[in-house]
Amino acid sequence: MAFPSTPRFAPLLKLAAPAVALLGTLALSACSDPGAAAAGAQPATTVARNGVVYNTSPEQQRIRAEKDAALAAKVPELINKDGKLTVATTAGSIPLSFHASDDKTPIGVELDIAQLVADKLGLELDIQVTSWENWPLKTQSGDFEAVFSNVGINAARVKLFDFSSYRAAYMGFEAKKSSSYNIQGSDDISGLKISVGSGTNQEKILIAWNRELEAKGKAPAVLQYYSSDADTILALSSGRTDLNIAPYPSVTYRENTRDDLKVVGKVNAGWPSETLVAATTLKGNGLAPAVTDALNSAIKDGSYGKVLERWGLSEEALAESSTVTEANFGTAK
């Protein structure tokens, strides 16, 4: 079925400000909240139908990078003084950020990318698992120096944070394999029951699509909310919901590791504009440019590409990382 194209190494997407007016939307992810529920114990290795072998054991043997003295010199002293890069993540969504098979070690593509950045900057990676709603305040307070947790850039967040882009941001619709849905826009969800995370950008898109349907005199979708990822997928697989919308890496993971679900649509997380996933740092503290340079160094030496390939996410790779701030939001390329 036809989905919008996603180049393997697409140029950075142009960031256009979405219609977000309130700072209360700071906790809205470019995708759904990756920490909505604990992933639970997983087998140590999962062989997917797309050929990716997912290592979900605590022994990750992460792809590492060498320290770059010039980049390390750019790290602000306040952050550099303890020799650590304290990174927040929400561990609950394979393959983004989740707990390993020991049910306690945080792993995933987000942390592998954070490891490359820490290595390049000559810092020890200090991973702190937190809830989705807590990362904004704890980053503002200085408890966290960076957030690597599928955070999307939006108009509300740039008022308080700076960003270093590192991945394309898409969401996917998933359904039972026996279904014939092909979700391209609002007309395709009319009258369907769709599970969605409360307070997420997915919800914002579905609400906007429902407005479009109502303006056309068509039945809106019925939005359904569940307390955990496990409950959401159970509802989908049992037929209590027709669709689920979630981060594209997560829905493709399930499509390739389960026999009962498939991806039936794809939409940019910043719809109707476009956005990117980015490392999130406190506004104006000087860390974002160093993180951006570290990401570009990892892109150049190939370690970044190897990390995305390891987790089956090569199609979300960027050709270049950019620093996005309130001053250049909407014009950064």
Foldseek 3Di string as FASTA:
>chain_A
DDAPDQALADADFFFAAFPDDDLVLQLAALWAFQQLDAQAADPQWFQWPVGFIDGQALPDPAQEDAADVVLLVLADCVCPVVQAQEEEERAHFPQQWHHGNVSPRIHHLLVSLVRLLSNHNRGHYHYDYDGSVPVVVCLQVVVHFKYRYNHKDHLSNLVWKKWKFWWFWKKFKKAWPPDDQADDALVRQFAFEEEEAPSYLVVVRLVVSQVVQVVVVTHGYHYDYDSGPVVRVVCRQVVVGGIYMGTPLRQVRCQGRDDTMDTRYMDASSPVGHIGGTMIGTPPPSRRVSSQVSSQVCLVVVSSCVSCVNRVRSSTGYNGIDMDHSVCRSPDD
